[in-house]
mmCIF file of all heavy atoms, coordinates in Angstrom:
data_MODEL
# 
_entry.id   MODEL 
# 
loop_
_atom_site.group_PDB 
_atom_site.id 
_atom_site.type_symbol 
_atom_site.label_atom_id 
_atom_site.label_alt_id 
_atom_site.label_comp_id 
_atom_site.label_asym_id 
_atom_site.label_entity_id 
_atom_site.label_seq_id 
_atom_site.pdbx_PDB_ins_code 
_atom_site.Cartn_x 
_atom_site.Cartn_y 
_atom_site.Cartn_z 
_atom_site.occupancy 
_atom_site.B_iso_or_equiv 
_atom_site.pdbx_formal_charge 
_atom_site.auth_seq_id 
_atom_site.auth_comp_id 
_atom_site.auth_asym_id 
_atom_site.auth_atom_id 
_atom_site.pdbx_PDB_model_num 
ATOM 1   N N   . CYS A 1 1  ? 0.684  8.116   2.591   1.00 0.00 ? 1  CYS A N   1 
ATOM 2   C CA  . CYS A 1 1  ? -0.093 7.319   1.614   1.00 0.00 ? 1  CYS A CA  1 
ATOM 3   C C   . CYS A 1 1  ? 0.831  6.415   0.840   1.00 0.00 ? 1  CYS A C   1 
ATOM 4   O O   . CYS A 1 1  ? 1.998  6.751   0.530   1.00 0.00 ? 1  CYS A O   1 
ATOM 5   C CB  . CYS A 1 1  ? -0.742 8.376   0.678   1.00 0.00 ? 1  CYS A CB  1 
ATOM 6   S SG  . CYS A 1 1  ? -1.946 9.416   1.554   1.00 0.00 ? 1  CYS A SG  1 
ATOM 7   N N   . LEU A 1 2  ? 0.231  5.353   0.373   1.00 0.00 ? 2  LEU A N   1 
ATOM 8   C CA  . LEU A 1 2  ? 0.973  4.385   -0.484  1.00 0.00 ? 2  LEU A CA  1 
ATOM 9   C C   . LEU A 1 2  ? 0.476  4.538   -1.889  1.00 0.00 ? 2  LEU A C   1 
ATOM 10  O O   . LEU A 1 2  ? -0.663 4.925   -2.237  1.00 0.00 ? 2  LEU A O   1 
ATOM 11  C CB  . LEU A 1 2  ? 0.641  2.946   0.012   1.00 0.00 ? 2  LEU A CB  1 
ATOM 12  C CG  . LEU A 1 2  ? 1.085  2.501   1.379   1.00 0.00 ? 2  LEU A CG  1 
ATOM 13  C CD1 . LEU A 1 2  ? 0.505  1.222   1.758   1.00 0.00 ? 2  LEU A CD1 1 
ATOM 14  C CD2 . LEU A 1 2  ? 2.536  2.539   1.490   1.00 0.00 ? 2  LEU A CD2 1 
ATOM 15  N N   . SER A 1 3  ? 1.358  4.344   -2.814  1.00 0.00 ? 3  SER A N   1 
ATOM 16  C CA  . SER A 1 3  ? 0.966  4.338   -4.293  1.00 0.00 ? 3  SER A CA  1 
ATOM 17  C C   . SER A 1 3  ? 0.014  3.155   -4.510  1.00 0.00 ? 3  SER A C   1 
ATOM 18  O O   . SER A 1 3  ? 0.029  2.229   -3.743  1.00 0.00 ? 3  SER A O   1 
ATOM 19  C CB  . SER A 1 3  ? 2.168  4.198   -5.163  1.00 0.00 ? 3  SER A CB  1 
ATOM 20  O OG  . SER A 1 3  ? 2.783  2.934   -5.010  1.00 0.00 ? 3  SER A OG  1 
ATOM 21  N N   . GLN A 1 4  ? -0.748 3.208   -5.610  1.00 0.00 ? 4  GLN A N   1 
ATOM 22  C CA  . GLN A 1 4  ? -1.633 2.217   -5.901  1.00 0.00 ? 4  GLN A CA  1 
ATOM 23  C C   . GLN A 1 4  ? -0.950 0.842   -6.150  1.00 0.00 ? 4  GLN A C   1 
ATOM 24  O O   . GLN A 1 4  ? -1.380 -0.224  -5.645  1.00 0.00 ? 4  GLN A O   1 
ATOM 25  C CB  . GLN A 1 4  ? -2.455 2.529   -7.138  1.00 0.00 ? 4  GLN A CB  1 
ATOM 26  C CG  . GLN A 1 4  ? -3.719 3.274   -6.900  1.00 0.00 ? 4  GLN A CG  1 
ATOM 27  C CD  . GLN A 1 4  ? -4.565 3.316   -8.182  1.00 0.00 ? 4  GLN A CD  1 
ATOM 28  O OE1 . GLN A 1 4  ? -4.084 3.299   -9.244  1.00 0.00 ? 4  GLN A OE1 1 
ATOM 29  N NE2 . GLN A 1 4  ? -5.885 3.379   -8.025  1.00 0.00 ? 4  GLN A NE2 1 
ATOM 30  N N   . ARG A 1 5  ? 0.224  0.945   -6.783  1.00 0.00 ? 5  ARG A N   1 
ATOM 31  C CA  . ARG A 1 5  ? 0.965  -0.263  -7.021  1.00 0.00 ? 5  ARG A CA  1 
ATOM 32  C C   . ARG A 1 5  ? 1.499  -0.918  -5.724  1.00 0.00 ? 5  ARG A C   1 
ATOM 33  O O   . ARG A 1 5  ? 1.439  -2.152  -5.573  1.00 0.00 ? 5  ARG A O   1 
ATOM 34  C CB  . ARG A 1 5  ? 2.206  -0.032  -7.893  1.00 0.00 ? 5  ARG A CB  1 
ATOM 35  C CG  . ARG A 1 5  ? 3.011  -1.157  -8.273  1.00 0.00 ? 5  ARG A CG  1 
ATOM 36  C CD  . ARG A 1 5  ? 4.249  -0.743  -9.194  1.00 0.00 ? 5  ARG A CD  1 
ATOM 37  N NE  . ARG A 1 5  ? 3.749  -0.184  -10.430 1.00 0.00 ? 5  ARG A NE  1 
ATOM 38  C CZ  . ARG A 1 5  ? 4.549  0.325   -11.389 1.00 0.00 ? 5  ARG A CZ  1 
ATOM 39  N NH1 . ARG A 1 5  ? 5.879  0.328   -11.209 1.00 0.00 ? 5  ARG A NH1 1 
ATOM 40  N NH2 . ARG A 1 5  ? 4.067  0.865   -12.517 1.00 0.00 ? 5  ARG A NH2 1 
ATOM 41  N N   . LEU A 1 6  ? 1.968  -0.096  -4.809  1.00 0.00 ? 6  LEU A N   1 
ATOM 42  C CA  . LEU A 1 6  ? 2.421  -0.655  -3.613  1.00 0.00 ? 6  LEU A CA  1 
ATOM 43  C C   . LEU A 1 6  ? 1.302  -1.262  -2.751  1.00 0.00 ? 6  LEU A C   1 
ATOM 44  O O   . LEU A 1 6  ? 1.421  -2.275  -2.084  1.00 0.00 ? 6  LEU A O   1 
ATOM 45  C CB  . LEU A 1 6  ? 3.054  0.513   -2.776  1.00 0.00 ? 6  LEU A CB  1 
ATOM 46  C CG  . LEU A 1 6  ? 3.858  0.079   -1.543  1.00 0.00 ? 6  LEU A CG  1 
ATOM 47  C CD1 . LEU A 1 6  ? 4.973  -0.916  -1.886  1.00 0.00 ? 6  LEU A CD1 1 
ATOM 48  C CD2 . LEU A 1 6  ? 4.489  1.348   -0.868  1.00 0.00 ? 6  LEU A CD2 1 
ATOM 49  N N   . GLN A 1 7  ? 0.081  -0.559  -2.779  1.00 0.00 ? 7  GLN A N   1 
ATOM 50  C CA  . GLN A 1 7  ? -1.023 -1.126  -2.010  1.00 0.00 ? 7  GLN A CA  1 
ATOM 51  C C   . GLN A 1 7  ? -1.470 -2.500  -2.595  1.00 0.00 ? 7  GLN A C   1 
ATOM 52  O O   . GLN A 1 7  ? -1.702 -3.379  -1.784  1.00 0.00 ? 7  GLN A O   1 
ATOM 53  C CB  . GLN A 1 7  ? -2.221 -0.152  -2.076  1.00 0.00 ? 7  GLN A CB  1 
ATOM 54  C CG  . GLN A 1 7  ? -2.015 1.172   -1.385  1.00 0.00 ? 7  GLN A CG  1 
ATOM 55  C CD  . GLN A 1 7  ? -3.394 1.918   -1.331  1.00 0.00 ? 7  GLN A CD  1 
ATOM 56  O OE1 . GLN A 1 7  ? -4.422 1.331   -1.258  1.00 0.00 ? 7  GLN A OE1 1 
ATOM 57  N NE2 . GLN A 1 7  ? -3.272 3.206   -1.373  1.00 0.00 ? 7  GLN A NE2 1 
ATOM 58  N N   . VAL A 1 8  ? -1.464 -2.613  -3.874  1.00 0.00 ? 8  VAL A N   1 
ATOM 59  C CA  . VAL A 1 8  ? -1.861 -3.841  -4.458  1.00 0.00 ? 8  VAL A CA  1 
ATOM 60  C C   . VAL A 1 8  ? -0.885 -4.948  -4.146  1.00 0.00 ? 8  VAL A C   1 
ATOM 61  O O   . VAL A 1 8  ? -1.245 -6.107  -3.725  1.00 0.00 ? 8  VAL A O   1 
ATOM 62  C CB  . VAL A 1 8  ? -1.968 -3.776  -6.027  1.00 0.00 ? 8  VAL A CB  1 
ATOM 63  C CG1 . VAL A 1 8  ? -2.155 -5.164  -6.644  1.00 0.00 ? 8  VAL A CG1 1 
ATOM 64  C CG2 . VAL A 1 8  ? -3.173 -2.872  -6.348  1.00 0.00 ? 8  VAL A CG2 1 
ATOM 65  N N   . LYS A 1 9  ? 0.380  -4.655  -4.281  1.00 0.00 ? 9  LYS A N   1 
ATOM 66  C CA  . LYS A 1 9  ? 1.464  -5.591  -3.947  1.00 0.00 ? 9  LYS A CA  1 
ATOM 67  C C   . LYS A 1 9  ? 1.503  -5.990  -2.429  1.00 0.00 ? 9  LYS A C   1 
ATOM 68  O O   . LYS A 1 9  ? 1.479  -7.263  -2.169  1.00 0.00 ? 9  LYS A O   1 
ATOM 69  C CB  . LYS A 1 9  ? 2.783  -4.977  -4.197  1.00 0.00 ? 9  LYS A CB  1 
ATOM 70  C CG  . LYS A 1 9  ? 3.994  -5.897  -4.013  1.00 0.00 ? 9  LYS A CG  1 
ATOM 71  C CD  . LYS A 1 9  ? 5.304  -5.141  -4.411  1.00 0.00 ? 9  LYS A CD  1 
ATOM 72  C CE  . LYS A 1 9  ? 6.518  -6.064  -4.150  1.00 0.00 ? 9  LYS A CE  1 
ATOM 73  N NZ  . LYS A 1 9  ? 7.770  -5.398  -4.464  1.00 0.00 ? 9  LYS A NZ  1 
ATOM 74  N N   . PHE A 1 10 ? 1.211  -5.072  -1.534  1.00 0.00 ? 10 PHE A N   1 
ATOM 75  C CA  . PHE A 1 10 ? 1.241  -5.336  -0.156  1.00 0.00 ? 10 PHE A CA  1 
ATOM 76  C C   . PHE A 1 10 ? 0.024  -6.164  0.258   1.00 0.00 ? 10 PHE A C   1 
ATOM 77  O O   . PHE A 1 10 ? 0.127  -7.081  1.065   1.00 0.00 ? 10 PHE A O   1 
ATOM 78  C CB  . PHE A 1 10 ? 1.292  -4.021  0.651   1.00 0.00 ? 10 PHE A CB  1 
ATOM 79  C CG  . PHE A 1 10 ? 1.547  -4.107  2.137   1.00 0.00 ? 10 PHE A CG  1 
ATOM 80  C CD1 . PHE A 1 10 ? 2.779  -4.638  2.585   1.00 0.00 ? 10 PHE A CD1 1 
ATOM 81  C CD2 . PHE A 1 10 ? 0.545  -3.839  3.026   1.00 0.00 ? 10 PHE A CD2 1 
ATOM 82  C CE1 . PHE A 1 10 ? 3.053  -4.745  3.871   1.00 0.00 ? 10 PHE A CE1 1 
ATOM 83  C CE2 . PHE A 1 10 ? 0.862  -3.972  4.377   1.00 0.00 ? 10 PHE A CE2 1 
ATOM 84  C CZ  . PHE A 1 10 ? 2.123  -4.432  4.810   1.00 0.00 ? 10 PHE A CZ  1 
ATOM 85  N N   . ARG A 1 11 ? -1.156 -5.853  -0.300  1.00 0.00 ? 11 ARG A N   1 
ATOM 86  C CA  . ARG A 1 11 ? -2.390 -6.569  0.019   1.00 0.00 ? 11 ARG A CA  1 
ATOM 87  C C   . ARG A 1 11 ? -2.239 -8.000  -0.554  1.00 0.00 ? 11 ARG A C   1 
ATOM 88  O O   . ARG A 1 11 ? -2.656 -8.983  0.214   1.00 0.00 ? 11 ARG A O   1 
ATOM 89  C CB  . ARG A 1 11 ? -3.625 -5.937  -0.657  1.00 0.00 ? 11 ARG A CB  1 
ATOM 90  C CG  . ARG A 1 11 ? -4.055 -4.714  0.123   1.00 0.00 ? 11 ARG A CG  1 
ATOM 91  C CD  . ARG A 1 11 ? -5.559 -4.443  -0.118  1.00 0.00 ? 11 ARG A CD  1 
ATOM 92  N NE  . ARG A 1 11 ? -6.077 -3.434  0.630   1.00 0.00 ? 11 ARG A NE  1 
ATOM 93  C CZ  . ARG A 1 11 ? -6.120 -2.149  0.284   1.00 0.00 ? 11 ARG A CZ  1 
ATOM 94  N NH1 . ARG A 1 11 ? -5.743 -1.779  -0.909  1.00 0.00 ? 11 ARG A NH1 1 
ATOM 95  N NH2 . ARG A 1 11 ? -6.656 -1.249  1.141   1.00 0.00 ? 11 ARG A NH2 1 
ATOM 96  N N   . ALA A 1 12 ? -1.616 -8.267  -1.640  1.00 0.00 ? 12 ALA A N   1 
ATOM 97  C CA  . ALA A 1 12 ? -1.487 -9.570  -2.187  1.00 0.00 ? 12 ALA A CA  1 
ATOM 98  C C   . ALA A 1 12 ? -0.587 -10.371 -1.241  1.00 0.00 ? 12 ALA A C   1 
ATOM 99  O O   . ALA A 1 12 ? -0.779 -11.602 -1.012  1.00 0.00 ? 12 ALA A O   1 
ATOM 100 C CB  . ALA A 1 12 ? -0.880 -9.479  -3.535  1.00 0.00 ? 12 ALA A CB  1 
ATOM 101 N N   . TYR A 1 13 ? 0.510  -9.647  -0.821  1.00 0.00 ? 13 TYR A N   1 
ATOM 102 C CA  . TYR A 1 13 ? 1.464  -10.386 0.138   1.00 0.00 ? 13 TYR A CA  1 
ATOM 103 C C   . TYR A 1 13 ? 0.732  -10.856 1.435   1.00 0.00 ? 13 TYR A C   1 
ATOM 104 O O   . TYR A 1 13 ? 0.898  -12.028 1.823   1.00 0.00 ? 13 TYR A O   1 
ATOM 105 C CB  . TYR A 1 13 ? 2.663  -9.487  0.443   1.00 0.00 ? 13 TYR A CB  1 
ATOM 106 C CG  . TYR A 1 13 ? 3.606  -10.024 1.534   1.00 0.00 ? 13 TYR A CG  1 
ATOM 107 C CD1 . TYR A 1 13 ? 4.532  -10.934 1.133   1.00 0.00 ? 13 TYR A CD1 1 
ATOM 108 C CD2 . TYR A 1 13 ? 3.480  -9.604  2.807   1.00 0.00 ? 13 TYR A CD2 1 
ATOM 109 C CE1 . TYR A 1 13 ? 5.430  -11.438 2.046   1.00 0.00 ? 13 TYR A CE1 1 
ATOM 110 C CE2 . TYR A 1 13 ? 4.343  -10.166 3.759   1.00 0.00 ? 13 TYR A CE2 1 
ATOM 111 C CZ  . TYR A 1 13 ? 5.294  -11.078 3.336   1.00 0.00 ? 13 TYR A CZ  1 
ATOM 112 O OH  . TYR A 1 13 ? 6.183  -11.574 4.266   1.00 0.00 ? 13 TYR A OH  1 
ATOM 113 N N   . PHE A 1 14 ? -0.005 -9.951  2.034   1.00 0.00 ? 14 PHE A N   1 
ATOM 114 C CA  . PHE A 1 14 ? -0.594 -10.310 3.286   1.00 0.00 ? 14 PHE A CA  1 
ATOM 115 C C   . PHE A 1 14 ? -1.810 -11.299 3.089   1.00 0.00 ? 14 PHE A C   1 
ATOM 116 O O   . PHE A 1 14 ? -2.075 -12.001 3.984   1.00 0.00 ? 14 PHE A O   1 
ATOM 117 C CB  . PHE A 1 14 ? -1.118 -9.003  3.998   1.00 0.00 ? 14 PHE A CB  1 
ATOM 118 C CG  . PHE A 1 14 ? -0.136 -8.501  4.994   1.00 0.00 ? 14 PHE A CG  1 
ATOM 119 C CD1 . PHE A 1 14 ? 0.797  -7.688  4.573   1.00 0.00 ? 14 PHE A CD1 1 
ATOM 120 C CD2 . PHE A 1 14 ? -0.128 -9.009  6.285   1.00 0.00 ? 14 PHE A CD2 1 
ATOM 121 C CE1 . PHE A 1 14 ? 1.783  -7.197  5.480   1.00 0.00 ? 14 PHE A CE1 1 
ATOM 122 C CE2 . PHE A 1 14 ? 0.826  -8.630  7.170   1.00 0.00 ? 14 PHE A CE2 1 
ATOM 123 C CZ  . PHE A 1 14 ? 1.732  -7.750  6.807   1.00 0.00 ? 14 PHE A CZ  1 
ATOM 124 N N   . ALA A 1 15 ? -2.399 -11.340 1.901   1.00 0.00 ? 15 ALA A N   1 
ATOM 125 C CA  . ALA A 1 15 ? -3.402 -12.344 1.600   1.00 0.00 ? 15 ALA A CA  1 
ATOM 126 C C   . ALA A 1 15 ? -2.790 -13.764 1.653   1.00 0.00 ? 15 ALA A C   1 
ATOM 127 O O   . ALA A 1 15 ? -3.382 -14.664 2.251   1.00 0.00 ? 15 ALA A O   1 
ATOM 128 C CB  . ALA A 1 15 ? -4.103 -12.100 0.272   1.00 0.00 ? 15 ALA A CB  1 
ATOM 129 N N   . ILE A 1 16 ? -1.558 -13.857 1.224   1.00 0.00 ? 16 ILE A N   1 
ATOM 130 C CA  . ILE A 1 16 ? -0.804 -15.212 1.095   1.00 0.00 ? 16 ILE A CA  1 
ATOM 131 C C   . ILE A 1 16 ? -0.437 -15.505 2.545   1.00 0.00 ? 16 ILE A C   1 
ATOM 132 O O   . ILE A 1 16 ? -0.670 -16.668 2.963   1.00 0.00 ? 16 ILE A O   1 
ATOM 133 C CB  . ILE A 1 16 ? 0.373  -15.072 0.212   1.00 0.00 ? 16 ILE A CB  1 
ATOM 134 C CG1 . ILE A 1 16 ? -0.072 -14.853 -1.270  1.00 0.00 ? 16 ILE A CG1 1 
ATOM 135 C CG2 . ILE A 1 16 ? 1.246  -16.302 0.392   1.00 0.00 ? 16 ILE A CG2 1 
ATOM 136 C CD1 . ILE A 1 16 ? 1.109  -14.602 -2.182  1.00 0.00 ? 16 ILE A CD1 1 
ATOM 137 N N   . ILE A 1 17 ? 0.143  -14.578 3.327   1.00 0.00 ? 17 ILE A N   1 
ATOM 138 C CA  . ILE A 1 17 ? 0.686  -14.942 4.593   1.00 0.00 ? 17 ILE A CA  1 
ATOM 139 C C   . ILE A 1 17 ? -0.405 -15.265 5.616   1.00 0.00 ? 17 ILE A C   1 
ATOM 140 O O   . ILE A 1 17 ? -0.252 -15.932 6.578   1.00 0.00 ? 17 ILE A O   1 
ATOM 141 C CB  . ILE A 1 17 ? 1.699  -13.905 5.175   1.00 0.00 ? 17 ILE A CB  1 
ATOM 142 C CG1 . ILE A 1 17 ? 0.957  -12.493 5.428   1.00 0.00 ? 17 ILE A CG1 1 
ATOM 143 C CG2 . ILE A 1 17 ? 2.797  -13.685 4.241   1.00 0.00 ? 17 ILE A CG2 1 
ATOM 144 C CD1 . ILE A 1 17 ? 1.806  -11.552 6.148   1.00 0.00 ? 17 ILE A CD1 1 
ATOM 145 N N   . ILE A 1 18 ? -1.583 -14.595 5.390   1.00 0.00 ? 18 ILE A N   1 
ATOM 146 C CA  . ILE A 1 18 ? -2.673 -14.918 6.317   1.00 0.00 ? 18 ILE A CA  1 
ATOM 147 C C   . ILE A 1 18 ? -3.114 -16.337 6.161   1.00 0.00 ? 18 ILE A C   1 
ATOM 148 O O   . ILE A 1 18 ? -3.473 -17.024 7.076   1.00 0.00 ? 18 ILE A O   1 
ATOM 149 C CB  . ILE A 1 18 ? -3.865 -13.944 6.083   1.00 0.00 ? 18 ILE A CB  1 
ATOM 150 C CG1 . ILE A 1 18 ? -3.497 -12.493 6.620   1.00 0.00 ? 18 ILE A CG1 1 
ATOM 151 C CG2 . ILE A 1 18 ? -5.092 -14.404 6.767   1.00 0.00 ? 18 ILE A CG2 1 
ATOM 152 C CD1 . ILE A 1 18 ? -4.517 -11.446 6.284   1.00 0.00 ? 18 ILE A CD1 1 
ATOM 153 N N   . LEU A 1 19 ? -3.122 -16.860 4.848   1.00 0.00 ? 19 LEU A N   1 
ATOM 154 C CA  . LEU A 1 19 ? -3.401 -18.228 4.584   1.00 0.00 ? 19 LEU A CA  1 
ATOM 155 C C   . LEU A 1 19 ? -2.470 -19.168 5.309   1.00 0.00 ? 19 LEU A C   1 
ATOM 156 O O   . LEU A 1 19 ? -2.788 -20.204 5.911   1.00 0.00 ? 19 LEU A O   1 
ATOM 157 C CB  . LEU A 1 19 ? -3.479 -18.479 3.097   1.00 0.00 ? 19 LEU A CB  1 
ATOM 158 C CG  . LEU A 1 19 ? -4.622 -17.872 2.285   1.00 0.00 ? 19 LEU A CG  1 
ATOM 159 C CD1 . LEU A 1 19 ? -4.415 -18.185 0.859   1.00 0.00 ? 19 LEU A CD1 1 
ATOM 160 C CD2 . LEU A 1 19 ? -5.984 -18.411 2.833   1.00 0.00 ? 19 LEU A CD2 1 
ATOM 161 N N   . ILE A 1 20 ? -1.090 -18.795 5.256   1.00 0.00 ? 20 ILE A N   1 
ATOM 162 C CA  . ILE A 1 20 ? -0.099 -19.564 5.913   1.00 0.00 ? 20 ILE A CA  1 
ATOM 163 C C   . ILE A 1 20 ? -0.265 -19.491 7.396   1.00 0.00 ? 20 ILE A C   1 
ATOM 164 O O   . ILE A 1 20 ? -0.122 -20.509 8.171   1.00 0.00 ? 20 ILE A O   1 
ATOM 165 C CB  . ILE A 1 20 ? 1.314  -19.078 5.525   1.00 0.00 ? 20 ILE A CB  1 
ATOM 166 C CG1 . ILE A 1 20 ? 1.477  -19.189 3.944   1.00 0.00 ? 20 ILE A CG1 1 
ATOM 167 C CG2 . ILE A 1 20 ? 2.361  -19.827 6.314   1.00 0.00 ? 20 ILE A CG2 1 
ATOM 168 C CD1 . ILE A 1 20 ? 2.767  -18.576 3.491   1.00 0.00 ? 20 ILE A CD1 1 
ATOM 169 N N   . ALA A 1 21 ? -0.684 -18.295 7.939   1.00 0.00 ? 21 ALA A N   1 
ATOM 170 C CA  . ALA A 1 21 ? -0.807 -18.162 9.398   1.00 0.00 ? 21 ALA A CA  1 
ATOM 171 C C   . ALA A 1 21 ? -1.779 -18.963 10.026  1.00 0.00 ? 21 ALA A C   1 
ATOM 172 O O   . ALA A 1 21 ? -1.726 -19.314 11.206  1.00 0.00 ? 21 ALA A O   1 
ATOM 173 C CB  . ALA A 1 21 ? -1.042 -16.649 9.612   1.00 0.00 ? 21 ALA A CB  1 
ATOM 174 N N   . VAL A 1 22 ? -2.810 -19.354 9.293   1.00 0.00 ? 22 VAL A N   1 
ATOM 175 C CA  . VAL A 1 22 ? -3.860 -20.238 9.880   1.00 0.00 ? 22 VAL A CA  1 
ATOM 176 C C   . VAL A 1 22 ? -3.275 -21.557 10.323  1.00 0.00 ? 22 VAL A C   1 
ATOM 177 O O   . VAL A 1 22 ? -3.739 -22.115 11.316  1.00 0.00 ? 22 VAL A O   1 
ATOM 178 C CB  . VAL A 1 22 ? -4.917 -20.476 8.814   1.00 0.00 ? 22 VAL A CB  1 
ATOM 179 C CG1 . VAL A 1 22 ? -5.944 -21.555 9.289   1.00 0.00 ? 22 VAL A CG1 1 
ATOM 180 C CG2 . VAL A 1 22 ? -5.678 -19.197 8.440   1.00 0.00 ? 22 VAL A CG2 1 
ATOM 181 N N   . GLN A 1 23 ? -2.216 -22.001 9.671   1.00 0.00 ? 23 GLN A N   1 
ATOM 182 C CA  . GLN A 1 23 ? -1.556 -23.244 10.045  1.00 0.00 ? 23 GLN A CA  1 
ATOM 183 C C   . GLN A 1 23 ? -0.574 -23.065 11.222  1.00 0.00 ? 23 GLN A C   1 
ATOM 184 O O   . GLN A 1 23 ? -0.246 -24.090 11.875  1.00 0.00 ? 23 GLN A O   1 
ATOM 185 C CB  . GLN A 1 23 ? -0.645 -23.778 8.838   1.00 0.00 ? 23 GLN A CB  1 
ATOM 186 C CG  . GLN A 1 23 ? -1.492 -23.919 7.556   1.00 0.00 ? 23 GLN A CG  1 
ATOM 187 C CD  . GLN A 1 23 ? -2.620 -24.934 7.665   1.00 0.00 ? 23 GLN A CD  1 
ATOM 188 O OE1 . GLN A 1 23 ? -2.492 -25.914 8.356   1.00 0.00 ? 23 GLN A OE1 1 
ATOM 189 N NE2 . GLN A 1 23 ? -3.816 -24.630 7.155   1.00 0.00 ? 23 GLN A NE2 1 
ATOM 190 N N   . LEU A 1 24 ? -0.215 -21.820 11.539  1.00 0.00 ? 24 LEU A N   1 
ATOM 191 C CA  . LEU A 1 24 ? 0.663  -21.604 12.624  1.00 0.00 ? 24 LEU A CA  1 
ATOM 192 C C   . LEU A 1 24 ? 0.116  -21.144 13.916  1.00 0.00 ? 24 LEU A C   1 
ATOM 193 O O   . LEU A 1 24 ? 0.603  -21.419 14.996  1.00 0.00 ? 24 LEU A O   1 
ATOM 194 C CB  . LEU A 1 24 ? 1.695  -20.469 12.155  1.00 0.00 ? 24 LEU A CB  1 
ATOM 195 C CG  . LEU A 1 24 ? 2.636  -20.790 10.938  1.00 0.00 ? 24 LEU A CG  1 
ATOM 196 C CD1 . LEU A 1 24 ? 3.446  -19.602 10.626  1.00 0.00 ? 24 LEU A CD1 1 
ATOM 197 C CD2 . LEU A 1 24 ? 3.516  -22.075 11.349  1.00 0.00 ? 24 LEU A CD2 1 
ATOM 198 N N   . VAL A 1 25 ? -1.101 -20.441 13.887  1.00 0.00 ? 25 VAL A N   1 
ATOM 199 C CA  . VAL A 1 25 ? -1.610 -20.003 15.138  1.00 0.00 ? 25 VAL A CA  1 
ATOM 200 C C   . VAL A 1 25 ? -3.029 -20.356 15.243  1.00 0.00 ? 25 VAL A C   1 
ATOM 201 O O   . VAL A 1 25 ? -3.795 -20.391 14.226  1.00 0.00 ? 25 VAL A O   1 
ATOM 202 C CB  . VAL A 1 25 ? -1.520 -18.374 15.203  1.00 0.00 ? 25 VAL A CB  1 
ATOM 203 C CG1 . VAL A 1 25 ? -0.157 -17.928 15.298  1.00 0.00 ? 25 VAL A CG1 1 
ATOM 204 C CG2 . VAL A 1 25 ? -2.281 -17.794 14.052  1.00 0.00 ? 25 VAL A CG2 1 
ATOM 205 N N   . GLN A 1 26 ? -3.484 -20.666 16.434  1.00 0.00 ? 26 GLN A N   1 
ATOM 206 C CA  . GLN A 1 26 ? -4.873 -21.050 16.740  1.00 0.00 ? 26 GLN A CA  1 
ATOM 207 C C   . GLN A 1 26 ? -5.354 -20.184 17.925  1.00 0.00 ? 26 GLN A C   1 
ATOM 208 O O   . GLN A 1 26 ? -4.656 -19.952 18.891  1.00 0.00 ? 26 GLN A O   1 
ATOM 209 C CB  . GLN A 1 26 ? -4.970 -22.509 17.186  1.00 0.00 ? 26 GLN A CB  1 
ATOM 210 C CG  . GLN A 1 26 ? -4.499 -23.481 16.023  1.00 0.00 ? 26 GLN A CG  1 
ATOM 211 C CD  . GLN A 1 26 ? -5.401 -23.507 14.880  1.00 0.00 ? 26 GLN A CD  1 
ATOM 212 O OE1 . GLN A 1 26 ? -6.558 -23.123 14.947  1.00 0.00 ? 26 GLN A OE1 1 
ATOM 213 N NE2 . GLN A 1 26 ? -4.856 -23.933 13.688  1.00 0.00 ? 26 GLN A NE2 1 
ATOM 214 N N   . PRO A 1 27 ? -6.536 -19.541 17.793  1.00 0.00 ? 27 PRO A N   1 
ATOM 215 C CA  . PRO A 1 27 ? -7.047 -18.701 18.844  1.00 0.00 ? 27 PRO A CA  1 
ATOM 216 C C   . PRO A 1 27 ? -7.071 -19.379 20.254  1.00 0.00 ? 27 PRO A C   1 
ATOM 217 O O   . PRO A 1 27 ? -6.900 -18.687 21.228  1.00 0.00 ? 27 PRO A O   1 
ATOM 218 C CB  . PRO A 1 27 ? -8.418 -18.330 18.340  1.00 0.00 ? 27 PRO A CB  1 
ATOM 219 C CG  . PRO A 1 27 ? -8.460 -18.608 16.894  1.00 0.00 ? 27 PRO A CG  1 
ATOM 220 C CD  . PRO A 1 27 ? -7.456 -19.735 16.707  1.00 0.00 ? 27 PRO A CD  1 
ATOM 221 N N   . THR A 1 28 ? -7.303 -20.631 20.248  1.00 0.00 ? 28 THR A N   1 
ATOM 222 C CA  . THR A 1 28 ? -7.437 -21.318 21.593  1.00 0.00 ? 28 THR A CA  1 
ATOM 223 C C   . THR A 1 28 ? -6.328 -22.342 21.807  1.00 0.00 ? 28 THR A C   1 
ATOM 224 O O   . THR A 1 28 ? -6.541 -23.361 22.427  1.00 0.00 ? 28 THR A O   1 
ATOM 225 C CB  . THR A 1 28 ? -8.764 -22.130 21.563  1.00 0.00 ? 28 THR A CB  1 
ATOM 226 O OG1 . THR A 1 28 ? -8.795 -23.041 20.502  1.00 0.00 ? 28 THR A OG1 1 
ATOM 227 C CG2 . THR A 1 28 ? -9.909 -21.141 21.488  1.00 0.00 ? 28 THR A CG2 1 
ATOM 228 N N   . MET A 1 29 ? -5.156 -22.022 21.141  1.00 0.00 ? 29 MET A N   1 
ATOM 229 C CA  . MET A 1 29 ? -4.059 -23.015 21.255  1.00 0.00 ? 29 MET A CA  1 
ATOM 230 C C   . MET A 1 29 ? -3.602 -23.215 22.657  1.00 0.00 ? 29 MET A C   1 
ATOM 231 O O   . MET A 1 29 ? -3.553 -22.318 23.442  1.00 0.00 ? 29 MET A O   1 
ATOM 232 C CB  . MET A 1 29 ? -2.953 -22.560 20.342  1.00 0.00 ? 29 MET A CB  1 
ATOM 233 C CG  . MET A 1 29 ? -2.236 -21.284 20.730  1.00 0.00 ? 29 MET A CG  1 
ATOM 234 S SD  . MET A 1 29 ? -0.982 -20.888 19.543  1.00 0.00 ? 29 MET A SD  1 
ATOM 235 C CE  . MET A 1 29 ? -0.450 -19.273 20.151  1.00 0.00 ? 29 MET A CE  1 
# 
């Protein structure tokens, strides 16, 4: 299990990188 603080930090990080990832990968590239 992750602490609440770690969960919030990790989710925030992945929310940002997912936005960046849209520019890097395309499903039908």
